[in-house]
Protein backbone atom coordinates (compact mmCIF):
# COMPACT_ATOMS: atom_id res chain seq x y z
CA LYS A 1 25.20 10.82 -11.01
CA TYR A 2 24.20 12.96 -14.00
CA PRO A 3 24.73 16.70 -14.16
CA GLN A 4 21.36 18.48 -13.87
CA SER A 5 21.07 18.93 -17.66
CA LEU A 6 21.62 15.21 -18.27
CA HIS A 7 19.06 13.78 -15.86
CA PRO A 8 17.18 11.22 -17.88
CA THR A 9 13.89 13.10 -18.09
CA PRO A 10 11.47 11.98 -20.79
CA ILE A 11 12.55 14.91 -22.97
CA THR A 12 16.27 14.15 -22.65
CA GLN A 13 15.56 10.47 -23.34
CA TYR A 14 13.64 11.37 -26.53
CA LEU A 15 16.40 13.77 -27.63
CA SER A 16 19.02 11.11 -26.94
CA PHE A 17 17.17 8.45 -28.93
CA LEU A 18 16.54 10.78 -31.87
CA PHE A 19 20.15 11.96 -31.88
CA ALA A 20 21.47 8.39 -32.00
CA HIS A 21 18.93 7.47 -34.66
CA ALA A 22 20.01 10.46 -36.77
CA LEU A 23 23.59 9.19 -36.48
CA SER A 24 22.73 5.62 -37.40
CA ASP A 25 20.21 6.18 -40.21
CA GLU A 26 21.25 8.89 -42.64
CA SER A 27 17.93 8.56 -44.47
CA MET A 28 16.31 10.12 -41.38
CA THR A 29 19.07 12.54 -40.34
CA GLN A 30 17.80 15.59 -42.22
CA ALA A 31 14.18 14.96 -41.20
CA ILE A 32 15.18 14.79 -37.53
CA LEU A 33 17.37 17.87 -37.82
CA ASP A 34 14.52 19.73 -39.56
CA LYS A 35 11.99 18.77 -36.87
CA LEU A 36 14.29 20.05 -34.13
CA ALA A 37 15.53 23.19 -35.92
CA GLY A 38 14.89 26.33 -33.95
CA LYS A 39 13.81 24.44 -30.84
CA GLU A 40 15.36 25.13 -27.47
CA LEU A 41 17.07 21.81 -26.77
CA GLY A 42 19.06 22.68 -23.67
CA GLU A 43 22.59 21.54 -23.00
CA PRO A 44 24.30 19.47 -24.20
CA TRP A 45 21.69 18.62 -26.84
CA GLY A 46 21.67 22.01 -28.53
CA LYS A 47 25.42 21.82 -29.08
CA LEU A 48 25.29 18.17 -30.17
CA TYR A 49 22.54 18.78 -32.71
CA GLY A 50 24.40 21.87 -33.95
CA ALA A 51 27.56 19.83 -34.41
CA LEU A 52 25.61 17.07 -36.17
CA GLN A 53 24.04 19.65 -38.51
CA GLU A 54 27.51 21.00 -39.32
CA VAL A 55 28.96 17.55 -40.01
CA TYR A 56 25.92 16.36 -41.96
CA THR A 57 25.78 19.36 -44.28
CA SER A 58 29.48 20.12 -44.74
CA SER A 59 31.63 18.07 -47.09
CA GLU A 60 34.68 19.46 -45.26
CA PHE A 61 33.92 17.31 -42.25
CA ARG A 62 32.91 14.23 -44.23
CA ALA A 63 36.32 13.52 -45.72
CA PRO A 64 37.34 9.86 -45.55
CA LEU A 65 38.92 9.00 -42.22
CA SER A 66 41.87 6.66 -42.25
CA GLY A 67 41.57 3.64 -40.00
CA GLN A 68 37.92 4.30 -39.13
CA ARG A 69 34.56 3.48 -40.59
CA ASN A 70 33.24 6.51 -42.40
CA THR A 71 29.98 7.08 -40.56
CA LEU A 72 28.27 10.13 -39.17
CA PHE A 73 29.27 8.89 -35.72
CA SER A 74 32.99 8.77 -36.57
CA TRP A 75 32.84 12.07 -38.47
CA LEU A 76 31.05 13.71 -35.55
CA ARG A 77 33.58 12.44 -33.02
CA THR A 78 36.40 13.71 -35.24
CA TYR A 79 34.64 17.08 -35.63
CA LEU A 80 34.16 17.42 -31.87
CA ASP A 81 37.80 16.50 -31.28
CA ARG A 82 39.11 18.93 -33.93
CA THR A 83 36.97 21.83 -32.77
CA ALA A 84 38.00 21.31 -29.13
CA SER A 85 34.34 21.10 -28.25
CA ASP A 86 33.38 21.10 -24.60
CA ILE A 87 30.82 18.38 -25.34
CA SER A 88 31.68 15.20 -23.51
CA PHE A 89 32.08 12.10 -25.65
CA ASP A 90 30.40 10.32 -22.74
CA VAL A 91 27.07 11.96 -23.66
CA LEU A 92 27.46 10.84 -27.26
CA ASP A 93 28.43 7.31 -26.26
CA ARG A 94 25.56 7.00 -23.77
CA ALA A 95 23.06 8.12 -26.40
CA VAL A 96 24.30 5.52 -28.88
CA LEU A 97 24.41 2.69 -26.30
CA SER A 98 20.91 3.48 -25.06
CA TYR A 99 19.64 3.61 -28.64
CA ASP A 100 21.25 0.27 -29.45
CA GLU A 101 19.50 -1.32 -26.46
CA ILE A 102 16.11 -0.04 -27.62
CA VAL A 103 16.38 -1.01 -31.29
CA VAL A 104 18.10 -4.36 -30.96
CA GLY A 105 16.29 -6.83 -33.20
CA LEU A 106 14.20 -4.19 -34.98
CA SER A 107 14.13 -3.95 -38.77
CA GLN A 108 15.03 -0.66 -40.46
CA PRO A 109 11.35 0.28 -41.03
CA GLN A 110 10.63 -0.50 -37.37
CA LYS A 111 13.53 1.72 -36.28
CA GLN A 112 12.19 4.53 -38.44
CA GLU A 113 8.72 4.09 -36.96
CA GLU A 114 10.25 4.19 -33.47
CA ALA A 115 12.00 7.46 -34.40
CA ARG A 116 8.70 8.94 -35.61
CA ARG A 117 7.08 7.83 -32.35
CA HIS A 118 9.87 9.51 -30.36
CA LEU A 119 9.38 12.75 -32.33
CA ILE A 120 5.70 12.72 -31.38
CA MET A 121 6.44 11.91 -27.74
CA LEU A 122 9.02 14.72 -27.64
CA ALA A 123 6.53 17.21 -29.07
CA ARG A 124 3.86 16.14 -26.58
CA ALA A 125 6.25 16.26 -23.60
CA ARG A 126 7.32 19.77 -24.55
CA MET A 127 3.70 20.83 -24.88
CA GLU A 128 2.98 19.39 -21.43
CA GLU A 129 5.80 21.51 -19.99
CA GLN A 130 4.48 24.57 -21.79
CA LYS A 131 0.96 23.78 -20.57
CA LYS A 132 2.13 23.63 -16.93
CA SER A 133 3.96 26.91 -17.33
CA LEU A 134 0.87 28.58 -18.84
CA GLU A 135 -1.35 27.18 -16.09
CA ALA A 136 0.94 28.71 -13.46
CA ALA A 137 0.97 32.04 -15.30
CA ILE A 138 -2.84 31.97 -15.57
CA ARG A 139 -3.16 31.39 -11.82
CA GLN A 140 -0.77 34.26 -11.18
CA ALA A 141 -2.67 36.58 -13.56
CA GLU A 142 -5.95 35.62 -11.87
CA ALA A 143 -4.48 36.33 -8.43
CA SER A 144 -3.14 39.70 -9.51
CA GLY A 145 -6.37 40.63 -11.29
CA ASP A 146 -4.60 41.37 -14.58
CA SER A 147 -7.50 40.69 -16.99
CA SER A 148 -5.57 41.73 -20.10
CA LEU A 149 -2.74 39.29 -19.37
CA LEU A 150 -5.25 36.64 -18.38
CA THR A 151 -7.03 36.95 -21.74
CA THR A 152 -3.72 36.60 -23.61
CA LEU A 153 -2.65 33.59 -21.54
CA ILE A 154 -5.99 31.83 -21.96
CA ALA A 155 -5.76 32.34 -25.74
CA GLU A 156 -2.24 30.84 -25.73
CA TYR A 157 -3.45 27.94 -23.60
CA THR A 158 -6.39 27.27 -25.93
CA ALA A 159 -4.08 27.33 -28.97
CA LEU A 160 -1.70 24.95 -27.24
CA GLN A 161 -4.57 22.56 -26.43
CA SER A 162 -5.58 22.57 -30.12
CA GLU A 163 -2.00 21.91 -31.19
CA PHE A 164 -1.70 19.11 -28.63
CA ARG A 165 -4.73 17.35 -30.14
CA ARG A 166 -3.21 17.62 -33.64
CA VAL A 167 0.10 15.98 -32.64
CA LYS A 168 -0.49 12.30 -33.23
């Protein structure tokens, strides 16, 4: 059984896939990190992406490792071990195994296209969550008769709908 934060919701599945793709394809790592920068990722993903950013951008953590392949995955595991991180290696391993199952037999361009598709699906899933939250807030503002708040919420909802249509 997964802890609550690890339940395989669509969003956690997209974050997991993108994380593993960022580890396996360094040509996409920075693009994925940039797309997720400043986003609320939840635990453990926020910490994992932060650690990946640190390893990816710091030469200190990319020193050759004896007896291991020098990959982002091995550097990240070493970083997490050295920093006594509370992030479970199990989360990292599950993400990579799940990714491997999805991309087996795909060419590199197909893997990159799958990563782009996951970025879009993640953005849309987040917008759906935000939409539900706004809908609930609108209902509450209507019930309370707060017309000023209602106007603000409807404007946010309309902007979100426009953004949702642009994400393709």
